[in-house]
């Protein structure tokens, strides 16, 4: 059974940092793509970053590039999202998602929800003073 558990959310002031974790059980992240999405109240869910277990390639949405860093620890089967310089409008529920069926990084539509087969329950990030 595949399970994804996010953690690390919380309340942070504007300009602050948080590190989210996504621990995966049920299969190895070495054979998967993992993405991070977020959904603010009243808005659609948006993809913000992904990383490939096959080649380590990381991608970022324009809105977070240069401030967020995605990484993975294969030994712990966990993916992280380091978020710096957070803004108030980034208050959202953050989700990780996994695609376990093979696809090359070039073909993989990183920011498309339909590419992923498994989702975590989400973790709330609130950016406020």
Protein backbone atom coordinates (compact mmCIF):
# COMPACT_ATOMS: atom_id res chain seq x y z
CA UNK A 1 0.00 0.00 0.00
CA UNK A 2 1.39 3.36 -1.04
CA UNK A 3 1.27 6.13 1.53
CA UNK A 4 2.52 9.70 1.48
CA UNK A 5 2.78 11.70 4.68
CA UNK A 6 3.60 15.40 4.59
CA UNK A 7 4.89 17.29 7.61
CA UNK A 8 6.64 20.52 8.46
CA UNK A 9 3.85 23.00 7.88
CA UNK A 10 2.98 25.72 10.34
CA UNK A 11 2.83 29.44 10.95
CA UNK A 12 5.71 31.59 9.72
CA UNK A 13 6.20 35.32 9.32
CA UNK A 14 6.62 36.89 5.88
CA UNK A 15 10.21 36.49 4.79
CA UNK A 16 10.61 33.38 6.92
CA UNK A 17 11.45 29.79 6.03
CA UNK A 18 9.97 26.35 6.42
CA UNK A 19 11.02 22.88 5.31
CA UNK A 20 8.32 20.46 4.30
CA UNK A 21 8.84 16.71 4.26
CA UNK A 22 7.06 14.01 2.28
CA UNK A 23 7.74 10.52 3.54
CA UNK A 24 6.73 7.78 1.14
CA UNK A 25 6.09 4.14 1.95
CA UNK A 26 5.11 1.33 -0.35
CA UNK A 27 7.73 1.73 -3.06
CA UNK A 28 11.11 3.27 -3.69
CA UNK A 29 11.44 6.89 -4.72
CA UNK A 30 14.36 5.83 -6.92
CA UNK A 31 11.70 4.74 -9.41
CA UNK A 32 9.32 7.68 -9.14
CA UNK A 33 8.75 11.34 -9.85
CA UNK A 34 7.64 13.40 -6.86
CA UNK A 35 5.90 16.74 -7.03
CA UNK A 36 4.82 19.47 -4.65
CA UNK A 37 1.56 21.31 -5.16
CA UNK A 38 -0.29 23.94 -3.17
CA UNK A 39 -3.84 25.14 -2.94
CA UNK A 40 -4.87 28.45 -1.45
CA UNK A 41 -8.45 29.07 -0.28
CA UNK A 42 -10.74 29.65 -3.23
CA UNK A 43 -8.03 28.89 -5.77
CA UNK A 44 -7.07 25.95 -7.94
CA UNK A 45 -4.26 23.67 -6.93
CA UNK A 46 -0.98 24.61 -8.58
CA UNK A 47 2.19 22.64 -9.14
CA UNK A 48 5.29 24.33 -7.80
CA UNK A 49 8.14 21.82 -7.97
CA UNK A 50 9.08 18.26 -8.82
CA UNK A 51 12.07 15.97 -8.73
CA UNK A 52 12.86 12.79 -10.62
CA UNK A 53 14.05 9.70 -8.80
CA UNK A 54 15.50 8.43 -12.08
CA UNK A 55 17.87 11.27 -12.92
CA UNK A 56 17.54 13.75 -10.07
CA UNK A 57 16.25 16.49 -12.34
CA UNK A 58 14.44 19.21 -10.40
CA UNK A 59 12.02 21.76 -11.81
CA UNK A 60 10.33 24.83 -10.37
CA UNK A 61 7.42 27.05 -11.20
CA UNK A 62 8.38 30.64 -11.95
CA UNK A 63 6.61 31.79 -8.80
CA UNK A 64 9.01 29.90 -6.51
CA UNK A 65 12.22 29.56 -8.51
CA UNK A 66 15.19 30.90 -6.59
CA UNK A 67 13.40 30.70 -3.22
CA UNK A 68 12.31 27.05 -2.96
CA UNK A 69 14.55 24.00 -3.20
CA UNK A 70 13.38 20.43 -3.66
CA UNK A 71 15.58 17.52 -2.64
CA UNK A 72 15.33 13.85 -1.87
CA UNK A 73 16.89 11.39 0.56
CA UNK A 74 16.70 7.94 -1.00
CA UNK A 75 17.78 6.22 2.18
CA UNK A 76 14.82 7.73 4.03
CA UNK A 77 12.50 7.55 1.00
CA UNK A 78 11.65 11.17 1.68
CA UNK A 79 11.41 14.30 -0.42
CA UNK A 80 11.85 17.77 1.03
CA UNK A 81 10.81 21.25 0.02
CA UNK A 82 12.87 24.04 1.54
CA UNK A 83 10.90 27.27 1.31
CA UNK A 84 12.63 30.59 1.88
CA UNK A 85 11.46 34.21 1.70
CA UNK A 86 7.86 33.15 2.11
CA UNK A 87 5.12 35.60 1.19
CA UNK A 88 1.71 36.10 2.72
CA UNK A 89 -0.06 35.06 -0.47
CA UNK A 90 1.69 31.68 -0.31
CA UNK A 91 -0.55 30.65 2.53
CA UNK A 92 -1.91 27.32 1.30
CA UNK A 93 -2.27 23.66 1.93
CA UNK A 94 0.83 22.02 0.48
CA UNK A 95 0.60 18.53 -1.00
CA UNK A 96 3.15 16.06 -2.26
CA UNK A 97 2.31 13.62 -5.01
CA UNK A 98 4.03 10.66 -6.62
CA UNK A 99 4.05 9.14 -10.07
CA UNK A 100 5.31 5.57 -9.89
CA UNK A 101 4.76 4.57 -13.53
CA UNK A 102 7.89 5.14 -15.57
CA UNK A 103 8.17 8.18 -17.80
CA UNK A 104 11.24 10.10 -18.86
CA UNK A 105 11.89 13.49 -17.33
CA UNK A 106 11.56 15.04 -20.77
CA UNK A 107 8.05 13.63 -21.24
CA UNK A 108 6.91 14.20 -17.68
CA UNK A 109 4.46 17.08 -17.23
CA UNK A 110 5.70 18.03 -13.81
CA UNK A 111 3.05 20.59 -12.92
CA UNK A 112 0.03 18.64 -14.14
CA UNK A 113 -2.05 16.95 -11.44
CA UNK A 114 -3.10 14.20 -13.82
CA UNK A 115 0.47 12.91 -14.06
CA UNK A 116 0.41 11.71 -10.46
CA UNK A 117 -1.21 8.62 -9.03
CA UNK A 118 -0.76 9.09 -5.30
CA UNK A 119 -1.29 12.08 -3.04
CA UNK A 120 -0.63 12.98 0.54
CA UNK A 121 -3.17 14.52 2.88
CA UNK A 122 -1.57 17.96 2.80
CA UNK A 123 0.04 20.20 5.37
CA UNK A 124 -1.07 23.75 6.13
CA UNK A 125 1.40 26.60 5.67
CA UNK A 126 0.30 29.99 6.97
CA UNK A 127 2.43 33.04 6.24
CA UNK A 128 1.35 35.90 8.46
CA UNK A 129 2.71 38.49 10.84
